[in-house]
Amino acid sequence: MLDELRQRKQALRSEMRRLRRDYAASLDDGTRALLFRRPPRPVMELVPAGAVVGVYYDIPGEAPARAYARFLHEQAHTVALPAFTDKDAPMHFRAWSDPFGESDLEDGPYGPQPVAANGEVEPTVLFVPLVAFTDKGERMGQGAAHYDGWLGRHPRAITIGMAWDVQKVADLPTEPHDVPLRAIVTPSQFYGPFA
């Protein structure tokens, strides 16, 4: 039964990655530059004053999070990115002090991450990448469980998924370790907040 569930998840994950990648590639540069420039009001209402806010360094196809990082930095929030000491280490977060020039990033096992000298921080709000989502706050990630693992260790974090509208599905196969989101934002919709 568990193997069948994981096979379903993998098939859906592959299809949704393709859909996400194709959709993002179809956007012209002008349109892409206008999307996700700043969090909409319902999202900002979930971000307490002075919060440490985790974002992600988006890869091609993902909903872009770096403009949110710059906006939140300008609003006097501490911005953080995921960091890993090696491929097998659990995900943690380091402060990202330069989301404009990106001068404080280094290559990590999974892409750019803040240098170790920036220090570890614990986000109280976390913008989460995803492959697929439902309008009930369920999320399908990349499959490595980095975010689910971190969220399992930090259950009080306010989690906000970022996605393209085409990533919404009617339902998702879920497992006990899959942590639902508090809200999800797309270019045209805000879903949540969920309990």
N, C-alpha and C. Protein backbone atom coordinates (compact mmCIF):
# COMPACT_ATOMS: atom_id res chain seq x y z
N MET A 1 0.81 -1.19 0.00
CA MET A 1 0.00 0.00 0.00
C MET A 1 0.86 1.27 0.00
N LEU A 2 1.90 1.28 0.87
CA LEU A 2 2.79 2.43 0.95
C LEU A 2 3.57 2.60 -0.35
N ASP A 3 4.02 1.49 -0.96
CA ASP A 3 4.73 1.58 -2.23
C ASP A 3 3.83 2.15 -3.32
N GLU A 4 2.55 1.74 -3.33
CA GLU A 4 1.61 2.26 -4.33
C GLU A 4 1.40 3.76 -4.15
N LEU A 5 1.28 4.22 -2.90
CA LEU A 5 1.13 5.64 -2.62
C LEU A 5 2.35 6.42 -3.10
N ARG A 6 3.51 5.90 -2.82
CA ARG A 6 4.74 6.61 -3.23
C ARG A 6 4.89 6.62 -4.75
N GLN A 7 4.46 5.57 -5.42
CA GLN A 7 4.49 5.55 -6.89
C GLN A 7 3.52 6.59 -7.45
N ARG A 8 2.34 6.71 -6.85
CA ARG A 8 1.38 7.73 -7.28
C ARG A 8 1.96 9.12 -7.08
N LYS A 9 2.60 9.33 -5.94
CA LYS A 9 3.20 10.63 -5.67
C LYS A 9 4.30 10.95 -6.68
N GLN A 10 5.13 9.97 -6.97
CA GLN A 10 6.23 10.21 -7.90
C GLN A 10 5.72 10.53 -9.30
N ALA A 11 4.69 9.81 -9.75
CA ALA A 11 4.12 10.07 -11.07
C ALA A 11 3.51 11.47 -11.13
N LEU A 12 2.76 11.83 -10.09
CA LEU A 12 2.16 13.16 -10.04
C LEU A 12 3.24 14.23 -9.95
N ARG A 13 4.26 13.99 -9.15
CA ARG A 13 5.35 14.96 -9.00
C ARG A 13 6.03 15.20 -10.36
N SER A 14 6.29 14.16 -11.11
CA SER A 14 6.92 14.31 -12.43
C SER A 14 6.05 15.13 -13.37
N GLU A 15 4.76 14.82 -13.39
CA GLU A 15 3.83 15.54 -14.27
C GLU A 15 3.71 17.01 -13.87
N MET A 16 3.63 17.27 -12.58
CA MET A 16 3.47 18.65 -12.11
C MET A 16 4.76 19.46 -12.29
N ARG A 17 5.90 18.83 -12.17
CA ARG A 17 7.16 19.54 -12.46
C ARG A 17 7.19 19.98 -13.92
N ARG A 18 6.78 19.06 -14.81
CA ARG A 18 6.75 19.40 -16.23
C ARG A 18 5.79 20.55 -16.49
N LEU A 19 4.59 20.47 -15.91
CA LEU A 19 3.58 21.51 -16.09
C LEU A 19 4.09 22.85 -15.56
N ARG A 20 4.70 22.83 -14.38
CA ARG A 20 5.24 24.06 -13.78
C ARG A 20 6.34 24.66 -14.66
N ARG A 21 7.25 23.82 -15.11
CA ARG A 21 8.37 24.27 -15.95
C ARG A 21 7.86 24.86 -17.26
N ASP A 22 6.91 24.15 -17.91
CA ASP A 22 6.38 24.63 -19.19
C ASP A 22 5.63 25.95 -19.02
N TYR A 23 4.85 26.06 -17.95
CA TYR A 23 4.11 27.30 -17.72
C TYR A 23 5.07 28.47 -17.51
N ALA A 24 6.05 28.30 -16.63
CA ALA A 24 6.99 29.38 -16.35
C ALA A 24 7.75 29.77 -17.61
N ALA A 25 8.11 28.79 -18.44
CA ALA A 25 8.83 29.09 -19.68
C ALA A 25 7.97 29.83 -20.69
N SER A 26 6.65 29.69 -20.58
CA SER A 26 5.75 30.35 -21.54
C SER A 26 5.57 31.83 -21.25
N LEU A 27 5.97 32.29 -20.07
CA LEU A 27 5.80 33.69 -19.70
C LEU A 27 6.89 34.54 -20.34
N ASP A 28 6.50 35.67 -20.93
CA ASP A 28 7.52 36.57 -21.47
C ASP A 28 8.18 37.31 -20.31
N ASP A 29 9.35 37.88 -20.55
CA ASP A 29 10.14 38.52 -19.50
C ASP A 29 9.37 39.64 -18.81
N GLY A 30 8.60 40.43 -19.58
CA GLY A 30 7.84 41.54 -19.00
C GLY A 30 6.79 41.05 -18.03
N THR A 31 6.06 40.01 -18.39
CA THR A 31 5.04 39.45 -17.49
C THR A 31 5.69 38.85 -16.25
N ARG A 32 6.73 38.08 -16.46
CA ARG A 32 7.42 37.43 -15.33
C ARG A 32 7.93 38.47 -14.33
N ALA A 33 8.40 39.60 -14.84
CA ALA A 33 8.94 40.64 -13.96
C ALA A 33 7.87 41.28 -13.09
N LEU A 34 6.61 41.23 -13.52
CA LEU A 34 5.53 41.85 -12.76
C LEU A 34 4.94 40.93 -11.69
N LEU A 35 5.15 39.63 -11.82
CA LEU A 35 4.54 38.67 -10.91
C LEU A 35 5.37 38.47 -9.65
N PHE A 36 4.71 38.31 -8.54
CA PHE A 36 5.36 38.06 -7.25
C PHE A 36 6.37 39.16 -6.88
N ARG A 37 6.03 40.41 -7.20
CA ARG A 37 6.92 41.52 -6.85
C ARG A 37 6.89 41.85 -5.37
N ARG A 38 5.70 41.74 -4.78
CA ARG A 38 5.56 41.98 -3.36
C ARG A 38 4.38 41.16 -2.85
N PRO A 39 4.43 40.74 -1.60
CA PRO A 39 3.33 39.93 -1.05
C PRO A 39 2.04 40.74 -0.99
N PRO A 40 0.92 40.15 -1.36
CA PRO A 40 -0.36 40.87 -1.24
C PRO A 40 -0.75 41.05 0.23
N ARG A 41 -1.69 41.94 0.49
CA ARG A 41 -2.08 42.27 1.86
C ARG A 41 -2.45 41.05 2.70
N PRO A 42 -3.26 40.07 2.20
CA PRO A 42 -3.58 38.92 3.06
C PRO A 42 -2.34 38.14 3.50
N VAL A 43 -1.31 38.13 2.67
CA VAL A 43 -0.07 37.46 3.04
C VAL A 43 0.65 38.26 4.12
N MET A 44 0.75 39.58 3.91
CA MET A 44 1.45 40.41 4.89
C MET A 44 0.75 40.42 6.24
N GLU A 45 -0.55 40.18 6.26
CA GLU A 45 -1.28 40.10 7.53
C GLU A 45 -0.85 38.88 8.35
N LEU A 46 -0.22 37.89 7.71
CA LEU A 46 0.27 36.71 8.41
C LEU A 46 1.71 36.88 8.92
N VAL A 47 2.34 37.99 8.54
CA VAL A 47 3.75 38.22 8.90
C VAL A 47 3.83 39.22 10.05
N PRO A 48 4.14 38.76 11.26
CA PRO A 48 4.23 39.68 12.40
C PRO A 48 5.36 40.69 12.23
N ALA A 49 5.22 41.83 12.85
CA ALA A 49 6.27 42.85 12.82
C ALA A 49 7.57 42.26 13.34
N GLY A 50 8.66 42.56 12.66
CA GLY A 50 9.98 42.11 13.09
C GLY A 50 10.23 40.62 12.96
N ALA A 51 9.40 39.91 12.19
CA ALA A 51 9.55 38.46 12.05
C ALA A 51 10.82 38.10 11.29
N VAL A 52 11.36 36.94 11.62
CA VAL A 52 12.39 36.32 10.80
C VAL A 52 11.64 35.55 9.72
N VAL A 53 11.89 35.88 8.46
CA VAL A 53 11.13 35.32 7.36
C VAL A 53 12.04 34.48 6.46
N GLY A 54 11.74 33.20 6.38
CA GLY A 54 12.47 32.31 5.49
C GLY A 54 11.86 32.33 4.10
N VAL A 55 12.70 32.42 3.10
CA VAL A 55 12.28 32.31 1.71
C VAL A 55 13.13 31.22 1.07
N TYR A 56 12.96 31.00 -0.20
CA TYR A 56 13.79 30.02 -0.90
C TYR A 56 14.41 30.69 -2.10
N TYR A 57 15.55 30.16 -2.52
CA TYR A 57 16.23 30.67 -3.72
C TYR A 57 15.68 29.87 -4.88
N ASP A 58 14.74 30.49 -5.61
CA ASP A 58 13.97 29.76 -6.62
C ASP A 58 14.85 29.23 -7.75
N ILE A 59 14.49 28.04 -8.19
CA ILE A 59 15.13 27.41 -9.35
C ILE A 59 14.22 27.64 -10.55
N PRO A 60 14.72 27.45 -11.78
CA PRO A 60 13.88 27.66 -12.95
C PRO A 60 12.58 26.86 -12.86
N GLY A 61 11.47 27.54 -13.11
CA GLY A 61 10.15 26.93 -13.07
C GLY A 61 9.39 27.24 -11.80
N GLU A 62 10.09 27.42 -10.68
CA GLU A 62 9.41 27.70 -9.42
C GLU A 62 8.86 29.13 -9.41
N ALA A 63 7.82 29.34 -8.62
CA ALA A 63 7.34 30.69 -8.39
C ALA A 63 8.49 31.49 -7.78
N PRO A 64 8.80 32.66 -8.34
CA PRO A 64 9.97 33.41 -7.88
C PRO A 64 9.77 34.02 -6.49
N ALA A 65 10.71 33.77 -5.60
CA ALA A 65 10.62 34.25 -4.23
C ALA A 65 11.59 35.38 -3.92
N ARG A 66 12.53 35.65 -4.80
CA ARG A 66 13.57 36.62 -4.47
C ARG A 66 13.05 38.06 -4.36
N ALA A 67 12.01 38.42 -5.13
CA ALA A 67 11.44 39.76 -4.99
C ALA A 67 10.78 39.91 -3.63
N TYR A 68 10.13 38.85 -3.15
CA TYR A 68 9.56 38.88 -1.80
C TYR A 68 10.68 39.10 -0.78
N ALA A 69 11.81 38.44 -0.97
CA ALA A 69 12.93 38.60 -0.04
C ALA A 69 13.38 40.06 0.02
N ARG A 70 13.50 40.68 -1.14
CA ARG A 70 13.92 42.09 -1.17
C ARG A 70 12.89 42.99 -0.50
N PHE A 71 11.60 42.77 -0.79
CA PHE A 71 10.54 43.57 -0.18
C PHE A 71 10.55 43.41 1.34
N LEU A 72 10.62 42.18 1.82
CA LEU A 72 10.60 41.94 3.27
C LEU A 72 11.84 42.51 3.95
N HIS A 73 12.98 42.46 3.28
CA HIS A 73 14.20 43.07 3.80
C HIS A 73 13.99 44.58 3.97
N GLU A 74 13.38 45.22 2.98
CA GLU A 74 13.10 46.66 3.06
C GLU A 74 12.10 46.99 4.16
N GLN A 75 11.28 46.02 4.54
CA GLN A 75 10.31 46.22 5.62
C GLN A 75 10.90 45.89 6.99
N ALA A 76 12.20 45.78 7.07
CA ALA A 76 12.96 45.57 8.31
C ALA A 76 12.80 44.17 8.90
N HIS A 77 12.44 43.20 8.08
CA HIS A 77 12.41 41.81 8.54
C HIS A 77 13.79 41.20 8.33
N THR A 78 14.17 40.27 9.19
CA THR A 78 15.35 39.46 8.93
C THR A 78 14.93 38.40 7.91
N VAL A 79 15.63 38.34 6.81
CA VAL A 79 15.34 37.38 5.75
C VAL A 79 16.34 36.25 5.85
N ALA A 80 15.87 35.03 5.59
CA ALA A 80 16.74 33.85 5.71
C ALA A 80 16.52 32.93 4.52
N LEU A 81 17.54 32.14 4.23
CA LEU A 81 17.48 31.12 3.18
C LEU A 81 17.87 29.77 3.79
N PRO A 82 17.38 28.68 3.18
CA PRO A 82 17.82 27.35 3.63
C PRO A 82 19.33 27.19 3.43
N ALA A 83 19.92 26.40 4.30
CA ALA A 83 21.35 26.08 4.21
C ALA A 83 21.55 24.64 4.66
N PHE A 84 22.57 24.02 4.10
CA PHE A 84 22.91 22.63 4.42
C PHE A 84 24.41 22.54 4.58
N THR A 85 24.85 21.80 5.59
CA THR A 85 26.30 21.60 5.73
C THR A 85 26.80 20.55 4.75
N ASP A 86 25.95 19.59 4.37
CA ASP A 86 26.24 18.62 3.31
C ASP A 86 24.90 18.04 2.84
N LYS A 87 24.94 17.20 1.80
CA LYS A 87 23.70 16.68 1.20
C LYS A 87 22.85 15.87 2.17
N ASP A 88 23.46 15.25 3.17
CA ASP A 88 22.71 14.41 4.10
C ASP A 88 22.29 15.14 5.37
N ALA A 89 22.72 16.37 5.53
CA ALA A 89 22.41 17.13 6.74
C ALA A 89 20.99 17.68 6.69
N PRO A 90 20.37 17.85 7.86
CA PRO A 90 19.04 18.46 7.87
C PRO A 90 19.12 19.93 7.46
N MET A 91 18.03 20.42 6.89
CA MET A 91 17.96 21.81 6.48
C MET A 91 17.89 22.71 7.71
N HIS A 92 18.64 23.81 7.65
CA HIS A 92 18.52 24.86 8.64
C HIS A 92 18.51 26.18 7.87
N PHE A 93 18.44 27.29 8.57
CA PHE A 93 18.36 28.59 7.89
C PHE A 93 19.47 29.51 8.38
N ARG A 94 19.98 30.30 7.44
CA ARG A 94 20.96 31.33 7.77
C ARG A 94 20.40 32.68 7.29
N ALA A 95 20.77 33.74 7.99
CA ALA A 95 20.35 35.08 7.61
C ALA A 95 20.90 35.41 6.22
N TRP A 96 20.07 36.08 5.44
CA TRP A 96 20.46 36.55 4.10
C TRP A 96 20.45 38.07 4.16
N SER A 97 21.60 38.66 4.37
CA SER A 97 21.68 40.10 4.61
C SER A 97 21.72 40.94 3.33
N ASP A 98 21.90 40.31 2.18
CA ASP A 98 22.01 41.08 0.94
C ASP A 98 21.15 40.47 -0.18
N PRO A 99 19.82 40.53 -0.06
CA PRO A 99 18.98 39.97 -1.12
C PRO A 99 18.98 40.80 -2.40
N PHE A 100 19.60 41.97 -2.39
CA PHE A 100 19.69 42.79 -3.60
C PHE A 100 20.94 42.42 -4.42
N GLY A 101 22.10 42.46 -3.80
CA GLY A 101 23.33 42.15 -4.51
C GLY A 101 23.75 40.70 -4.43
N GLU A 102 23.17 39.96 -3.49
CA GLU A 102 23.47 38.54 -3.29
C GLU A 102 24.96 38.29 -3.04
N SER A 103 25.61 39.27 -2.40
CA SER A 103 27.05 39.17 -2.16
C SER A 103 27.41 38.21 -1.03
N ASP A 104 26.41 37.81 -0.23
CA ASP A 104 26.71 36.95 0.92
C ASP A 104 26.25 35.50 0.69
N LEU A 105 26.21 35.08 -0.57
CA LEU A 105 25.82 33.71 -0.90
C LEU A 105 27.04 32.91 -1.33
N GLU A 106 26.97 31.61 -1.07
CA GLU A 106 27.98 30.66 -1.53
C GLU A 106 27.26 29.46 -2.13
N ASP A 107 27.99 28.63 -2.84
CA ASP A 107 27.40 27.42 -3.39
C ASP A 107 27.24 26.40 -2.27
N GLY A 108 26.03 25.86 -2.15
CA GLY A 108 25.76 24.81 -1.19
C GLY A 108 25.41 23.53 -1.92
N PRO A 109 25.13 22.46 -1.21
CA PRO A 109 24.81 21.18 -1.86
C PRO A 109 23.57 21.23 -2.75
N TYR A 110 22.66 22.18 -2.47
CA TYR A 110 21.42 22.27 -3.25
C TYR A 110 21.25 23.62 -3.93
N GLY A 111 22.33 24.37 -4.07
CA GLY A 111 22.26 25.67 -4.73
C GLY A 111 22.77 26.77 -3.82
N PRO A 112 22.55 28.04 -4.22
CA PRO A 112 23.05 29.17 -3.43
C PRO A 112 22.47 29.17 -2.02
N GLN A 113 23.32 29.47 -1.05
CA GLN A 113 22.91 29.59 0.35
C GLN A 113 23.79 30.64 1.02
N PRO A 114 23.29 31.27 2.10
CA PRO A 114 24.12 32.27 2.78
C PRO A 114 25.39 31.66 3.36
N VAL A 115 26.42 32.48 3.42
CA VAL A 115 27.69 32.03 3.99
C VAL A 115 27.50 31.72 5.47
N ALA A 116 28.32 30.81 5.99
CA ALA A 116 28.20 30.37 7.39
C ALA A 116 28.36 31.53 8.36
N ALA A 117 29.17 32.53 7.99
CA ALA A 117 29.41 33.67 8.87
C ALA A 117 28.14 34.46 9.17
N ASN A 118 27.12 34.32 8.33
CA ASN A 118 25.86 35.05 8.56
C ASN A 118 25.11 34.54 9.78
N GLY A 119 25.37 33.32 10.18
CA GLY A 119 24.74 32.76 11.37
C GLY A 119 23.38 32.15 11.12
N GLU A 120 23.06 31.17 11.94
CA GLU A 120 21.78 30.49 11.84
C GLU A 120 20.68 31.32 12.49
N VAL A 121 19.51 31.27 11.89
CA VAL A 121 18.32 31.91 12.44
C VAL A 121 17.16 30.92 12.32
N GLU A 122 16.10 31.18 13.07
CA GLU A 122 14.93 30.32 13.01
C GLU A 122 13.73 31.14 12.51
N PRO A 123 13.29 30.89 11.28
CA PRO A 123 12.15 31.65 10.77
C PRO A 123 10.88 31.42 11.57
N THR A 124 10.15 32.50 11.77
CA THR A 124 8.82 32.40 12.36
C THR A 124 7.77 32.33 11.25
N VAL A 125 8.14 32.83 10.07
CA VAL A 125 7.31 32.75 8.86
C VAL A 125 8.18 32.14 7.78
N LEU A 126 7.60 31.21 7.02
CA LEU A 126 8.38 30.52 5.99
C LEU A 126 7.61 30.44 4.69
N PHE A 127 8.16 31.05 3.63
CA PHE A 127 7.62 30.91 2.29
C PHE A 127 8.20 29.62 1.71
N VAL A 128 7.30 28.75 1.25
CA VAL A 128 7.67 27.39 0.90
C VAL A 128 7.46 27.14 -0.60
N PRO A 129 8.46 26.56 -1.28
CA PRO A 129 8.25 26.17 -2.67
C PRO A 129 7.41 24.90 -2.72
N LEU A 130 6.80 24.66 -3.85
CA LEU A 130 6.01 23.45 -3.98
C LEU A 130 5.90 23.02 -5.43
N VAL A 131 5.52 21.76 -5.60
CA VAL A 131 5.32 21.20 -6.94
C VAL A 131 3.82 21.21 -7.27
N ALA A 132 2.99 20.93 -6.27
CA ALA A 132 1.54 20.94 -6.44
C ALA A 132 0.89 21.29 -5.10
N PHE A 133 -0.37 21.77 -5.15
CA PHE A 133 -1.09 22.10 -3.94
C PHE A 133 -2.59 21.92 -4.16
N THR A 134 -3.33 21.85 -3.05
CA THR A 134 -4.79 21.84 -3.11
C THR A 134 -5.31 23.10 -2.44
N ASP A 135 -6.58 23.39 -2.66
CA ASP A 135 -7.18 24.57 -2.03
C ASP A 135 -7.49 24.34 -0.55
N LYS A 136 -7.02 23.22 0.00
CA LYS A 136 -7.15 22.93 1.44
C LYS A 136 -5.82 23.12 2.17
N GLY A 137 -4.78 23.54 1.44
CA GLY A 137 -3.49 23.78 2.07
C GLY A 137 -2.53 22.62 1.99
N GLU A 138 -2.90 21.55 1.30
CA GLU A 138 -1.97 20.42 1.14
C GLU A 138 -0.91 20.80 0.11
N ARG A 139 0.30 20.29 0.34
CA ARG A 139 1.44 20.63 -0.51
C ARG A 139 2.20 19.38 -0.90
N MET A 140 2.63 19.36 -2.14
CA MET A 140 3.56 18.33 -2.59
C MET A 140 4.88 19.04 -2.90
N GLY A 141 5.93 18.60 -2.22
CA GLY A 141 7.24 19.20 -2.43
C GLY A 141 8.05 18.42 -3.45
N GLN A 142 9.35 18.66 -3.45
CA GLN A 142 10.24 18.02 -4.43
C GLN A 142 10.45 16.54 -4.16
N GLY A 143 10.17 16.10 -2.93
CA GLY A 143 10.30 14.68 -2.63
C GLY A 143 11.43 14.32 -1.68
N ALA A 144 12.27 15.28 -1.33
CA ALA A 144 13.39 14.98 -0.43
C ALA A 144 13.01 15.17 1.04
N ALA A 145 11.85 15.74 1.31
CA ALA A 145 11.32 15.97 2.66
C ALA A 145 12.15 16.95 3.50
N HIS A 146 12.94 17.82 2.85
CA HIS A 146 13.70 18.81 3.60
C HIS A 146 12.76 19.75 4.36
N TYR A 147 11.76 20.27 3.65
CA TYR A 147 10.83 21.20 4.30
C TYR A 147 9.94 20.49 5.31
N ASP A 148 9.42 19.32 4.96
CA ASP A 148 8.59 18.59 5.92
C ASP A 148 9.38 18.25 7.18
N GLY A 149 10.64 17.90 7.02
CA GLY A 149 11.48 17.61 8.19
C GLY A 149 11.66 18.84 9.06
N TRP A 150 11.96 19.99 8.43
CA TRP A 150 12.15 21.22 9.19
C TRP A 150 10.84 21.61 9.87
N LEU A 151 9.74 21.53 9.14
CA LEU A 151 8.44 21.92 9.71
C LEU A 151 8.03 20.99 10.84
N GLY A 152 8.38 19.71 10.75
CA GLY A 152 8.10 18.79 11.83
C GLY A 152 8.84 19.17 13.10
N ARG A 153 10.02 19.77 12.95
CA ARG A 153 10.81 20.20 14.11
C ARG A 153 10.42 21.61 14.59
N HIS A 154 9.67 22.34 13.74
CA HIS A 154 9.27 23.73 14.05
C HIS A 154 7.78 23.92 13.73
N PRO A 155 6.91 23.24 14.47
CA PRO A 155 5.49 23.24 14.13
C PRO A 155 4.78 24.58 14.28
N ARG A 156 5.39 25.53 14.95
CA ARG A 156 4.73 26.83 15.14
C ARG A 156 4.99 27.81 14.01
N ALA A 157 5.87 27.46 13.09
CA ALA A 157 6.17 28.37 11.97
C ALA A 157 4.93 28.59 11.13
N ILE A 158 4.76 29.82 10.68
CA ILE A 158 3.66 30.17 9.77
C ILE A 158 4.15 29.89 8.35
N THR A 159 3.50 28.95 7.69
CA THR A 159 3.96 28.50 6.37
C THR A 159 3.06 29.02 5.26
N ILE A 160 3.69 29.60 4.25
CA ILE A 160 2.97 30.16 3.12
C ILE A 160 3.58 29.60 1.85
N GLY A 161 2.80 28.84 1.10
CA GLY A 161 3.28 28.28 -0.16
C GLY A 161 3.21 29.30 -1.28
N MET A 162 4.14 29.20 -2.21
CA MET A 162 4.14 30.06 -3.41
C MET A 162 4.09 29.16 -4.62
N ALA A 163 3.17 29.48 -5.55
CA ALA A 163 2.98 28.61 -6.71
C ALA A 163 2.37 29.37 -7.87
N TRP A 164 2.48 28.78 -9.04
CA TRP A 164 1.72 29.24 -10.20
C TRP A 164 0.31 28.65 -10.10
N ASP A 165 -0.65 29.31 -10.69
CA ASP A 165 -2.03 28.82 -10.65
C ASP A 165 -2.17 27.41 -11.21
N VAL A 166 -1.37 27.08 -12.22
CA VAL A 166 -1.47 25.76 -12.87
C VAL A 166 -1.03 24.62 -11.96
N GLN A 167 -0.48 24.92 -10.80
CA GLN A 167 -0.01 23.87 -9.89
C GLN A 167 -1.11 23.37 -8.96
N LYS A 168 -2.29 23.97 -9.01
CA LYS A 168 -3.40 23.54 -8.16
C LYS A 168 -4.01 22.26 -8.71
N VAL A 169 -4.23 21.31 -7.81
CA VAL A 169 -4.86 20.03 -8.16
C VAL A 169 -6.03 19.79 -7.21
N ALA A 170 -6.93 18.90 -7.59
CA ALA A 170 -8.12 18.63 -6.77
C ALA A 170 -7.76 17.93 -5.46
N ASP A 171 -6.83 16.99 -5.52
CA ASP A 171 -6.40 16.30 -4.30
C ASP A 171 -4.99 15.78 -4.49
N LEU A 172 -4.36 15.46 -3.36
CA LEU A 172 -2.99 14.96 -3.36
C LEU A 172 -2.91 13.70 -2.51
N PRO A 173 -2.12 12.73 -2.93
CA PRO A 173 -1.84 11.61 -2.03
C PRO A 173 -0.91 12.10 -0.93
N THR A 174 -1.32 11.94 0.31
CA THR A 174 -0.52 12.45 1.42
C THR A 174 -0.10 11.33 2.36
N GLU A 175 0.97 11.59 3.09
CA GLU A 175 1.49 10.68 4.11
C GLU A 175 1.54 11.43 5.44
N PRO A 176 1.67 10.72 6.55
CA PRO A 176 1.65 11.39 7.86
C PRO A 176 2.70 12.50 8.01
N HIS A 177 3.86 12.38 7.34
CA HIS A 177 4.90 13.41 7.49
C HIS A 177 4.64 14.65 6.65
N ASP A 178 3.64 14.63 5.75
CA ASP A 178 3.34 15.78 4.91
C ASP A 178 2.66 16.86 5.75
N VAL A 179 3.30 18.01 5.87
CA VAL A 179 2.81 19.09 6.72
C VAL A 179 2.00 20.07 5.88
N PRO A 180 0.72 20.32 6.24
CA PRO A 180 -0.09 21.28 5.47
C PRO A 180 0.40 22.70 5.70
N LEU A 181 0.05 23.57 4.77
CA LEU A 181 0.45 24.97 4.82
C LEU A 181 -0.61 25.82 5.49
N ARG A 182 -0.21 26.98 5.99
CA ARG A 182 -1.17 27.93 6.58
C ARG A 182 -1.88 28.72 5.49
N ALA A 183 -1.19 28.97 4.38
CA ALA A 183 -1.78 29.72 3.26
C ALA A 183 -0.96 29.43 2.00
N ILE A 184 -1.55 29.77 0.86
CA ILE A 184 -0.87 29.62 -0.43
C ILE A 184 -1.18 30.86 -1.26
N VAL A 185 -0.16 31.38 -1.93
CA VAL A 185 -0.35 32.54 -2.80
C VAL A 185 0.09 32.18 -4.22
N THR A 186 -0.73 32.58 -5.19
CA THR A 186 -0.41 32.43 -6.62
C THR A 186 -0.53 33.82 -7.24
N PRO A 187 -0.20 33.97 -8.52
CA PRO A 187 -0.36 35.29 -9.13
C PRO A 187 -1.79 35.83 -9.10
N SER A 188 -2.79 34.96 -9.01
CA SER A 188 -4.17 35.44 -9.06
C SER A 188 -5.01 35.13 -7.82
N GLN A 189 -4.51 34.31 -6.88
CA GLN A 189 -5.33 33.87 -5.76
C GLN A 189 -4.56 33.85 -4.45
N PHE A 190 -5.33 33.97 -3.36
CA PHE A 190 -4.80 33.71 -2.03
C PHE A 190 -5.69 32.65 -1.42
N TYR A 191 -5.09 31.56 -0.98
CA TYR A 191 -5.85 30.46 -0.37
C TYR A 191 -5.50 30.44 1.12
N GLY A 192 -6.54 30.47 1.97
CA GLY A 192 -6.32 30.41 3.39
C GLY A 192 -6.81 31.68 4.05
N PRO A 193 -6.40 31.94 5.28
CA PRO A 193 -5.54 31.04 6.05
C PRO A 193 -6.29 29.80 6.52
N PHE A 194 -5.56 28.70 6.55
CA PHE A 194 -6.10 27.43 7.01
C PHE A 194 -5.78 27.28 8.49
N ALA A 195 -6.57 26.48 9.16
CA ALA A 195 -6.36 26.28 10.61
C ALA A 195 -5.08 25.52 10.86
